[in-house]
Amino acid sequence: MVRIRPSEVSDRTAIWSFLEPVIRAGEVFALPQEMTQEAALAYWFSPSHEVFIAEEDGRVAGSYYIRPNQLGGGSHVANAGYLTDPAATGRGIARAMCAHSLVRAKERGFRAMQFNFVVSTNVRAVRLWQSSGFEILTSLPDAFLHPSEGYVDAYVMFRKL
C-alpha cells in the first residue's frame, strides 16, 4: 500500500538517496549531471514547490512536487516533477503519485496540468502519463542530449483537470 503525505525536512536524506543516481545518470531530468546535493535539494524543495512523499511499508519510495507552471495569466496550469526510488520501480509508486498530484492540483484550483519536458526515451513515464489522461501536444526535436542515445526528442504533455 502506498501512502502519500507532505514532505518533512527529515525526508531530504531519503530523497537524495534516489535523486542523486537519477541526476548522475542524466537520462530523464534536464539537470546538470554534476549537480551538488545542496543544489539538487534546493531545486526539488524550491519555494514554489509543494513537495510530497510516497511511502511504501513505512519507507520513502518516491517524491513529487507540484507548482504553478507559469506566473500571472498562466498560473492556473499546474506543473509537477516525479521521482521514484529505482528499488521501487514497477510497484505503482509513480502511478499513485500522479493520481495524488491530479487531485491535489484540483484542490489548489488548477484547471490543467502540463509537463513541459518529458524525455521521449523515458518510455515508462510517457506511457504512464498517457494512461493518466495526458496527451502529447508537441515534440521538441533533439531537445535533450541523452548520455547514451544522443540527441532525442522531448514532449510537452497536457491534461485538463
Protein backbone atom coordinates (compact mmCIF):
# COMPACT_ATOMS: atom_id res chain seq x y z
CA MET A 1 0.00 0.00 0.00
CA VAL A 2 1.29 3.44 -0.96
CA ARG A 3 0.75 6.32 1.44
CA ILE A 4 1.32 9.87 0.20
CA ARG A 5 1.96 12.69 2.63
CA PRO A 6 3.50 16.16 2.67
CA SER A 7 7.28 16.12 2.83
CA GLU A 8 9.17 16.90 6.03
CA VAL A 9 12.73 18.17 6.48
CA SER A 10 13.74 14.69 7.66
CA ASP A 11 12.83 13.27 4.20
CA ARG A 12 15.65 15.07 2.42
CA THR A 13 18.23 12.35 3.02
CA ALA A 14 15.94 9.67 1.61
CA ILE A 15 15.06 11.81 -1.41
CA TRP A 16 18.72 12.49 -2.12
CA SER A 17 19.48 8.75 -1.95
CA PHE A 18 17.46 8.21 -5.14
CA LEU A 19 17.60 11.69 -6.67
CA GLU A 20 21.39 11.55 -6.90
CA PRO A 21 21.61 8.41 -9.08
CA VAL A 22 18.86 9.76 -11.36
CA ILE A 23 20.71 13.06 -11.78
CA ARG A 24 24.07 11.32 -12.31
CA ALA A 25 22.56 9.02 -14.97
CA GLY A 26 21.36 12.10 -16.87
CA GLU A 27 18.59 10.23 -18.67
CA VAL A 28 15.31 11.82 -17.53
CA PHE A 29 15.78 15.24 -15.92
CA ALA A 30 17.24 18.27 -17.69
CA LEU A 31 19.52 18.92 -14.72
CA PRO A 32 23.33 19.05 -14.70
CA GLN A 33 24.78 15.60 -14.01
CA GLU A 34 27.37 17.14 -11.68
CA MET A 35 24.71 18.94 -9.60
CA THR A 36 25.59 19.01 -5.91
CA GLN A 37 23.36 17.64 -3.19
CA GLU A 38 22.72 21.14 -1.92
CA ALA A 39 21.74 22.46 -5.35
CA ALA A 40 19.58 19.42 -6.19
CA LEU A 41 17.65 19.59 -2.93
CA ALA A 42 17.27 23.37 -3.30
CA TYR A 43 15.74 22.71 -6.72
CA TRP A 44 13.42 19.92 -5.50
CA PHE A 45 12.34 21.97 -2.48
CA SER A 46 12.12 25.29 -4.31
CA PRO A 47 9.84 27.78 -2.50
CA SER A 48 7.29 27.46 -5.34
CA HIS A 49 7.17 23.64 -4.97
CA GLU A 50 4.73 21.84 -2.70
CA VAL A 51 6.56 18.55 -2.07
CA PHE A 52 5.03 15.17 -1.22
CA ILE A 53 6.44 11.81 -0.23
CA ALA A 54 5.22 8.37 -1.27
CA GLU A 55 5.80 5.75 1.39
CA GLU A 56 5.59 2.01 0.96
CA ASP A 57 5.71 -0.08 4.13
CA GLY A 58 6.90 2.99 6.06
CA ARG A 59 9.86 3.59 3.73
CA VAL A 60 10.22 6.59 1.39
CA ALA A 61 9.77 5.19 -2.12
CA GLY A 62 9.14 8.35 -4.12
CA SER A 63 8.57 12.06 -4.11
CA TYR A 64 6.85 14.62 -6.26
CA TYR A 65 6.41 18.35 -6.33
CA ILE A 66 3.60 20.46 -7.71
CA ARG A 67 3.76 24.12 -8.65
CA PRO A 68 2.21 26.65 -10.99
CA ASN A 69 3.57 26.08 -14.48
CA GLN A 70 3.80 29.82 -15.12
CA LEU A 71 3.16 33.05 -13.27
CA GLY A 72 0.34 35.53 -13.84
CA GLY A 73 -2.01 34.54 -16.64
CA GLY A 74 -0.57 31.00 -16.78
CA SER A 75 -0.78 30.28 -13.06
CA HIS A 76 -3.99 28.25 -13.42
CA VAL A 77 -1.99 25.41 -15.02
CA ALA A 78 -0.02 23.12 -12.70
CA ASN A 79 3.33 21.51 -13.34
CA ALA A 80 4.82 18.60 -11.44
CA GLY A 81 8.00 16.57 -11.19
CA TYR A 82 8.12 12.95 -10.03
CA LEU A 83 10.87 10.76 -8.70
CA THR A 84 10.66 7.09 -7.76
CA ASP A 85 13.31 5.14 -5.90
CA PRO A 86 14.73 2.74 -8.52
CA ALA A 87 14.34 -0.07 -5.95
CA ALA A 88 10.57 0.56 -6.00
CA THR A 89 10.15 0.70 -9.78
CA GLY A 90 7.19 -1.20 -11.18
CA ARG A 91 5.18 -1.26 -7.97
CA GLY A 92 2.72 1.55 -8.73
CA ILE A 93 4.53 4.32 -6.83
CA ALA A 94 4.64 6.74 -9.79
CA ARG A 95 1.03 5.96 -10.70
CA ALA A 96 -0.06 6.69 -7.11
CA MET A 97 1.89 9.95 -7.06
CA CYS A 98 0.41 11.02 -10.40
CA ALA A 99 -3.13 10.30 -9.21
CA HIS A 100 -2.48 12.16 -5.96
CA SER A 101 -0.99 15.14 -7.80
CA LEU A 102 -4.03 15.43 -10.06
CA VAL A 103 -6.33 15.51 -7.03
CA ARG A 104 -4.05 17.97 -5.23
CA ALA A 105 -3.85 20.22 -8.30
CA LYS A 106 -7.63 20.36 -8.50
CA GLU A 107 -7.83 21.11 -4.75
CA ARG A 108 -5.45 24.04 -5.28
CA GLY A 109 -7.65 25.43 -8.03
CA PHE A 110 -5.56 24.50 -11.04
CA ARG A 111 -7.55 23.87 -14.24
CA ALA A 112 -4.96 21.74 -16.02
CA MET A 113 -1.55 20.16 -15.64
CA GLN A 114 1.31 20.44 -18.12
CA PHE A 115 4.63 18.64 -18.34
CA ASN A 116 7.00 20.91 -20.22
CA PHE A 117 9.82 18.49 -20.98
CA VAL A 118 9.25 14.73 -20.94
CA VAL A 119 12.24 12.95 -22.46
CA SER A 120 10.95 10.69 -25.24
CA THR A 121 13.23 7.79 -24.26
CA ASN A 122 11.60 7.71 -20.82
CA VAL A 123 9.03 5.33 -22.29
CA ARG A 124 7.61 4.11 -18.97
CA ALA A 125 6.85 7.67 -17.88
CA VAL A 126 5.34 8.62 -21.24
CA ARG A 127 3.04 5.57 -21.12
CA LEU A 128 2.08 6.28 -17.51
CA TRP A 129 1.24 9.93 -18.23
CA GLN A 130 -0.79 8.91 -21.28
CA SER A 131 -2.71 6.30 -19.28
CA SER A 132 -3.42 9.06 -16.75
CA GLY A 133 -5.08 11.23 -19.38
CA PHE A 134 -2.15 13.31 -20.63
CA GLU A 135 -1.74 13.96 -24.34
CA ILE A 136 1.46 14.72 -26.20
CA LEU A 137 0.82 18.18 -27.61
CA THR A 138 4.12 18.53 -29.40
CA SER A 139 7.52 17.01 -29.79
CA LEU A 140 10.60 19.17 -29.38
CA PRO A 141 13.09 17.70 -31.87
CA ASP A 142 16.50 16.80 -30.46
CA ALA A 143 15.80 18.90 -27.36
CA PHE A 144 17.56 16.58 -24.89
CA LEU A 145 21.10 15.24 -25.01
CA HIS A 146 20.79 11.71 -23.67
CA PRO A 147 24.11 10.28 -22.41
CA SER A 148 23.85 7.08 -24.47
CA GLU A 149 21.17 7.78 -27.12
CA GLY A 150 22.48 11.17 -28.24
CA TYR A 151 20.01 13.90 -29.13
CA VAL A 152 16.42 12.77 -28.53
CA ASP A 153 13.05 14.48 -28.60
CA ALA A 154 11.24 15.85 -25.58
CA TYR A 155 7.46 16.09 -25.30
CA VAL A 156 5.12 18.72 -23.98
CA MET A 157 2.25 16.82 -22.34
CA PHE A 158 -1.05 18.29 -21.12
CA ARG A 159 -4.23 17.31 -19.36
CA LYS A 160 -7.27 19.33 -18.27
CA LEU A 161 -8.43 18.69 -14.72
